[in-house]
Amino acid sequence: MATPSPAHSRPTAPEALPRCAVCGTGSRQSPFRPGPPEQAPDLDLRPGEPVRSTMARWLQQCPSCGYSAPNITRAHPAAAQAVAAAPFRALMAEAAYPPLARRFLAWAHVLEETGALHAAAEATLQAAWVADDLGQPELARLWRLEAVALWRGGPPLDQEQTVRIIDALRRAEAWEDARTTAQALAQADTPEAVAQVVGLEMRLIAAQDAGRHTVASALPPPARRPHVTHQRSQPKGGTTGFLGRLRRWFGRD
């Protein structure tokens, strides 16, 4: 009988686990690459299905220190200090917050502490989406208002961020702030698609409608909208921002 070669007899090394960039703990983490949404996004740009239902996979979280991020093997140099501080530890211990919402808030906290205020606003708004799904309107309202404060506390806002602020204020029933913000944007030089979305927001605010609405309510799709897999890809250097997102979804490029 032939003697097995060393190449065949060598034991297979166990697969290395991803290590947290903050504390070094290894843990099993699944990378997430979302497919394109088939349905229209909400006015605050929460994606439609099937991406809408995958929020539990958007962030990884270290089981040891609680650091959360899209990829926990990477971290800002100041993240470790933020994670070790008392406010982060208190957030991780806040039993009144749903676990998935805490994950988004943990990421938002690190982003805020490292100066990325607009990204922190995005993560905080995502925590509000979790509260929406769990039927916790008071938490959703709280986190929408916190997201607005983070957006406004950061660099100058673009039109997309302003539209999302308007929607967050409306959903949080901050009617006067929502109205004045919408009126200011309506008076600015905006593309037609943005103007239509703002017009819808102003009608919803006037009716004190704090419900969820999609961009399809403002921009009905073409009668024969192609399936998402048949839409043209966005050329390099093409339309970006809020208008670009709307055009790509509706196939209007």
Protein backbone atom coordinates (compact mmCIF):
# COMPACT_ATOMS: atom_id res chain seq x y z
CA MET A 1 0.00 0.00 0.00
CA ALA A 2 1.29 3.41 -0.92
CA THR A 3 2.27 5.72 1.90
CA PRO A 4 0.13 8.90 1.93
CA SER A 5 2.08 11.96 0.87
CA PRO A 6 2.60 14.72 3.45
CA ALA A 7 0.28 16.94 1.43
CA HIS A 8 -2.59 14.50 1.96
CA SER A 9 -1.86 13.68 5.60
CA ARG A 10 -1.44 17.27 6.82
CA PRO A 11 -4.46 18.27 8.99
CA THR A 12 -6.54 21.18 7.77
CA ALA A 13 -6.01 24.32 9.84
CA PRO A 14 -9.17 25.68 11.44
CA GLU A 15 -10.57 28.71 9.71
CA ALA A 16 -9.55 31.91 11.48
CA LEU A 17 -12.43 33.82 13.00
CA PRO A 18 -12.79 37.54 12.31
CA ARG A 19 -11.32 39.54 15.18
CA CYS A 20 -12.87 42.64 16.65
CA ALA A 21 -10.73 45.67 15.85
CA VAL A 22 -11.49 47.13 19.28
CA CYS A 23 -10.89 44.25 21.71
CA GLY A 24 -9.39 41.50 19.56
CA THR A 25 -12.06 38.90 20.31
CA GLY A 26 -12.69 36.40 17.51
CA SER A 27 -16.27 35.54 16.63
CA ARG A 28 -18.31 34.14 13.78
CA GLN A 29 -19.67 36.97 11.65
CA SER A 30 -21.54 36.75 8.38
CA PRO A 31 -20.73 39.34 5.71
CA PHE A 32 -23.81 40.96 4.19
CA ARG A 33 -24.16 42.06 0.60
CA PRO A 34 -27.74 43.18 -0.05
CA GLY A 35 -29.37 42.65 -3.39
CA PRO A 36 -31.27 45.48 -5.06
CA PRO A 37 -34.68 46.35 -3.57
CA GLU A 38 -37.65 45.50 -5.76
CA GLN A 39 -40.10 47.86 -4.07
CA ALA A 40 -40.03 51.63 -3.69
CA PRO A 41 -38.15 53.11 -0.72
CA ASP A 42 -39.89 55.08 1.98
CA LEU A 43 -39.67 58.88 1.87
CA ASP A 44 -36.76 58.66 4.34
CA LEU A 45 -35.09 56.23 1.91
CA ARG A 46 -35.55 53.09 3.96
CA PRO A 47 -35.20 50.51 1.18
CA GLY A 48 -38.14 48.48 -0.04
CA GLU A 49 -38.41 44.73 0.04
CA PRO A 50 -36.62 42.40 0.01
CA VAL A 51 -33.80 44.51 1.52
CA ARG A 52 -36.22 46.06 4.02
CA SER A 53 -36.50 42.83 6.01
CA THR A 54 -32.77 42.17 6.30
CA MET A 55 -31.89 44.76 8.95
CA ALA A 56 -30.69 42.12 11.40
CA ARG A 57 -27.81 41.40 9.00
CA TRP A 58 -26.71 44.98 8.25
CA LEU A 59 -24.29 45.25 11.18
CA GLN A 60 -21.90 42.90 12.92
CA GLN A 61 -21.42 43.08 16.70
CA CYS A 62 -18.61 41.86 18.89
CA PRO A 63 -19.99 39.50 21.56
CA SER A 64 -17.32 40.65 24.04
CA CYS A 65 -17.06 44.46 23.97
CA GLY A 66 -20.26 45.26 22.04
CA TYR A 67 -18.56 47.18 19.22
CA SER A 68 -20.91 47.29 16.22
CA ALA A 69 -20.09 48.12 12.62
CA PRO A 70 -20.73 46.84 9.11
CA ASN A 71 -17.34 45.11 9.53
CA ILE A 72 -16.05 44.81 13.10
CA THR A 73 -12.53 43.96 11.93
CA ARG A 74 -12.14 47.66 11.11
CA ALA A 75 -12.40 50.58 13.49
CA HIS A 76 -11.54 54.26 13.76
CA PRO A 77 -8.49 54.80 16.01
CA ALA A 78 -10.75 56.47 18.60
CA ALA A 79 -13.36 53.69 18.60
CA ALA A 80 -11.78 51.73 21.47
CA GLN A 81 -11.97 54.73 23.77
CA ALA A 82 -15.62 55.30 22.84
CA VAL A 83 -16.52 51.65 23.46
CA ALA A 84 -14.76 51.60 26.84
CA ALA A 85 -16.46 54.79 28.09
CA ALA A 86 -19.41 54.84 30.47
CA PRO A 87 -22.04 56.13 27.97
CA PHE A 88 -21.43 53.19 25.63
CA ARG A 89 -21.53 50.69 28.48
CA ALA A 90 -24.79 52.24 29.71
CA LEU A 91 -26.26 51.95 26.22
CA MET A 92 -25.34 48.27 26.04
CA ALA A 93 -27.06 47.71 29.39
CA GLU A 94 -30.26 49.59 28.46
CA ALA A 95 -32.82 46.78 28.65
CA ALA A 96 -35.67 49.06 27.50
CA TYR A 97 -34.14 49.23 24.01
CA PRO A 98 -34.65 46.33 21.61
CA PRO A 99 -31.40 44.40 21.06
CA LEU A 100 -31.29 45.13 17.32
CA ALA A 101 -31.92 48.82 17.94
CA ARG A 102 -29.07 48.82 20.50
CA ARG A 103 -26.79 47.46 17.80
CA PHE A 104 -27.56 50.40 15.50
CA LEU A 105 -27.31 52.87 18.38
CA ALA A 106 -23.94 51.39 19.36
CA TRP A 107 -22.64 52.03 15.85
CA ALA A 108 -24.18 55.51 15.91
CA HIS A 109 -22.46 56.26 19.23
CA VAL A 110 -19.03 55.31 17.90
CA LEU A 111 -19.61 57.33 14.73
CA GLU A 112 -20.67 60.37 16.77
CA GLU A 113 -17.69 60.08 19.10
CA THR A 114 -15.33 59.89 16.13
CA GLY A 115 -16.88 62.95 14.47
CA ALA A 116 -18.92 61.30 11.71
CA LEU A 117 -22.17 63.03 12.64
CA HIS A 118 -24.08 62.46 9.41
CA ALA A 119 -23.25 58.75 9.43
CA ALA A 120 -24.32 58.66 13.09
CA ALA A 121 -27.64 60.22 12.08
CA GLU A 122 -28.14 57.49 9.50
CA ALA A 123 -27.50 54.73 12.05
CA THR A 124 -29.80 56.41 14.59
CA LEU A 125 -32.57 56.64 11.99
CA GLN A 126 -32.09 52.92 11.36
CA ALA A 127 -32.69 52.29 15.06
CA ALA A 128 -35.98 54.17 14.61
CA TRP A 129 -36.87 51.79 11.78
CA VAL A 130 -36.34 48.87 14.17
CA ALA A 131 -38.69 50.54 16.66
CA ASP A 132 -41.24 51.01 13.86
CA ASP A 133 -41.15 47.30 13.07
CA LEU A 134 -41.59 46.38 16.73
CA GLY A 135 -44.52 48.75 17.29
CA GLN A 136 -42.65 51.08 19.68
CA PRO A 137 -43.63 54.55 18.41
CA GLU A 138 -42.18 56.52 21.34
CA LEU A 139 -38.73 55.08 20.81
CA ALA A 140 -39.06 55.63 17.07
CA ARG A 141 -39.98 59.27 17.69
CA LEU A 142 -37.07 59.75 20.12
CA TRP A 143 -34.50 58.31 17.72
CA ARG A 144 -35.84 60.26 14.73
CA LEU A 145 -35.40 63.49 16.65
CA GLU A 146 -31.91 62.44 17.71
CA ALA A 147 -31.08 61.68 14.06
CA VAL A 148 -32.27 65.16 13.06
CA ALA A 149 -30.06 66.73 15.73
CA LEU A 150 -27.04 64.78 14.48
CA TRP A 151 -27.66 65.77 10.87
CA ARG A 152 -28.01 69.40 11.81
CA GLY A 153 -24.94 69.28 14.04
CA GLY A 154 -22.68 68.08 11.23
CA PRO A 155 -21.43 69.60 7.96
CA PRO A 156 -23.78 71.56 5.66
CA LEU A 157 -26.72 69.48 4.54
CA ASP A 158 -27.43 68.44 0.98
CA GLN A 159 -30.96 68.15 -0.44
CA GLU A 160 -31.20 64.41 0.23
CA GLN A 161 -30.39 64.87 3.90
CA THR A 162 -32.83 67.77 4.17
CA VAL A 163 -35.64 65.71 2.68
CA ARG A 164 -34.89 62.94 5.15
CA ILE A 165 -34.92 65.46 8.01
CA ILE A 166 -38.34 66.68 6.87
CA ASP A 167 -39.66 63.13 6.85
CA ALA A 168 -38.14 62.34 10.25
CA LEU A 169 -39.71 65.46 11.77
CA ARG A 170 -43.09 64.61 10.23
CA ARG A 171 -42.94 61.02 11.45
CA ALA A 172 -41.98 62.33 14.92
CA GLU A 173 -44.96 64.75 14.82
CA ALA A 174 -42.71 67.80 15.12
CA TRP A 175 -45.14 69.63 12.87
CA GLU A 176 -43.88 73.21 13.03
CA ASP A 177 -40.24 72.29 12.52
CA ALA A 178 -41.19 69.96 9.68
CA ARG A 179 -43.29 72.67 8.04
CA THR A 180 -40.66 75.41 8.17
CA THR A 181 -37.92 73.03 6.97
CA ALA A 182 -40.07 71.87 4.06
CA GLN A 183 -41.00 75.42 3.10
CA ALA A 184 -37.35 76.48 3.07
CA LEU A 185 -36.40 73.60 0.79
CA ALA A 186 -39.42 74.23 -1.45
CA GLN A 187 -38.16 77.76 -2.06
CA ALA A 188 -34.70 76.54 -3.06
CA ASP A 189 -33.62 75.59 -6.57
CA THR A 190 -34.37 71.86 -6.58
CA PRO A 191 -34.76 69.25 -9.32
CA GLU A 192 -38.34 68.35 -10.23
CA ALA A 193 -38.22 64.97 -8.49
CA VAL A 194 -37.07 66.54 -5.21
CA ALA A 195 -39.73 69.25 -5.53
CA GLN A 196 -42.42 66.59 -5.96
CA VAL A 197 -41.27 64.72 -2.85
CA VAL A 198 -41.20 67.95 -0.84
CA GLY A 199 -44.65 68.83 -2.13
CA LEU A 200 -45.98 65.51 -0.87
CA GLU A 201 -44.29 66.04 2.50
CA MET A 202 -45.94 69.46 2.81
CA ARG A 203 -49.38 67.97 2.11
CA LEU A 204 -48.79 65.23 4.69
CA ILE A 205 -47.61 67.78 7.25
CA ALA A 206 -50.68 69.94 6.65
CA ALA A 207 -52.86 66.87 7.26
CA GLN A 208 -50.76 65.94 10.33
CA ASP A 209 -50.18 62.53 8.78
CA ALA A 210 -47.29 60.89 10.64
CA GLY A 211 -47.51 57.60 8.78
CA ARG A 212 -45.14 55.78 6.50
CA HIS A 213 -45.25 56.75 2.82
CA THR A 214 -43.07 55.69 -0.10
CA VAL A 215 -41.51 57.77 -2.84
CA ALA A 216 -43.96 56.10 -5.22
CA SER A 217 -46.63 58.29 -3.61
CA ALA A 218 -44.82 61.35 -4.94
CA LEU A 219 -43.36 59.90 -8.12
CA PRO A 220 -45.59 57.21 -9.62
CA PRO A 221 -43.43 54.82 -11.66
CA PRO A 222 -43.84 54.48 -15.43
CA ALA A 223 -46.72 52.28 -16.55
CA ARG A 224 -44.27 49.60 -17.67
CA ARG A 225 -41.38 49.88 -15.27
CA PRO A 226 -38.70 47.27 -16.15
CA HIS A 227 -37.70 44.67 -13.61
CA VAL A 228 -34.78 45.86 -11.50
CA THR A 229 -32.44 43.33 -13.13
CA HIS A 230 -33.18 44.84 -16.53
CA GLN A 231 -32.51 48.45 -15.61
CA ARG A 232 -29.43 50.17 -16.98
CA SER A 233 -26.54 50.55 -14.59
CA GLN A 234 -25.61 54.08 -13.55
CA PRO A 235 -22.72 55.34 -15.71
CA LYS A 236 -19.62 56.64 -13.98
CA GLY A 237 -20.01 60.33 -13.32
CA GLY A 238 -23.79 60.14 -13.70
CA THR A 239 -26.58 61.38 -11.48
CA THR A 240 -25.92 61.01 -7.75
CA GLY A 241 -27.65 61.93 -4.52
CA PHE A 242 -31.37 61.87 -3.80
CA LEU A 243 -32.43 62.55 -7.39
CA GLY A 244 -30.06 59.86 -8.62
CA ARG A 245 -31.48 57.28 -6.24
CA LEU A 246 -35.01 58.07 -7.36
CA ARG A 247 -34.12 57.96 -11.03
CA ARG A 248 -32.28 54.66 -10.67
CA TRP A 249 -35.20 53.06 -8.84
CA PHE A 250 -37.78 54.25 -11.33
CA GLY A 251 -35.65 53.51 -14.37
CA ARG A 252 -35.73 57.13 -15.57
CA ASP A 253 -32.07 57.56 -16.52
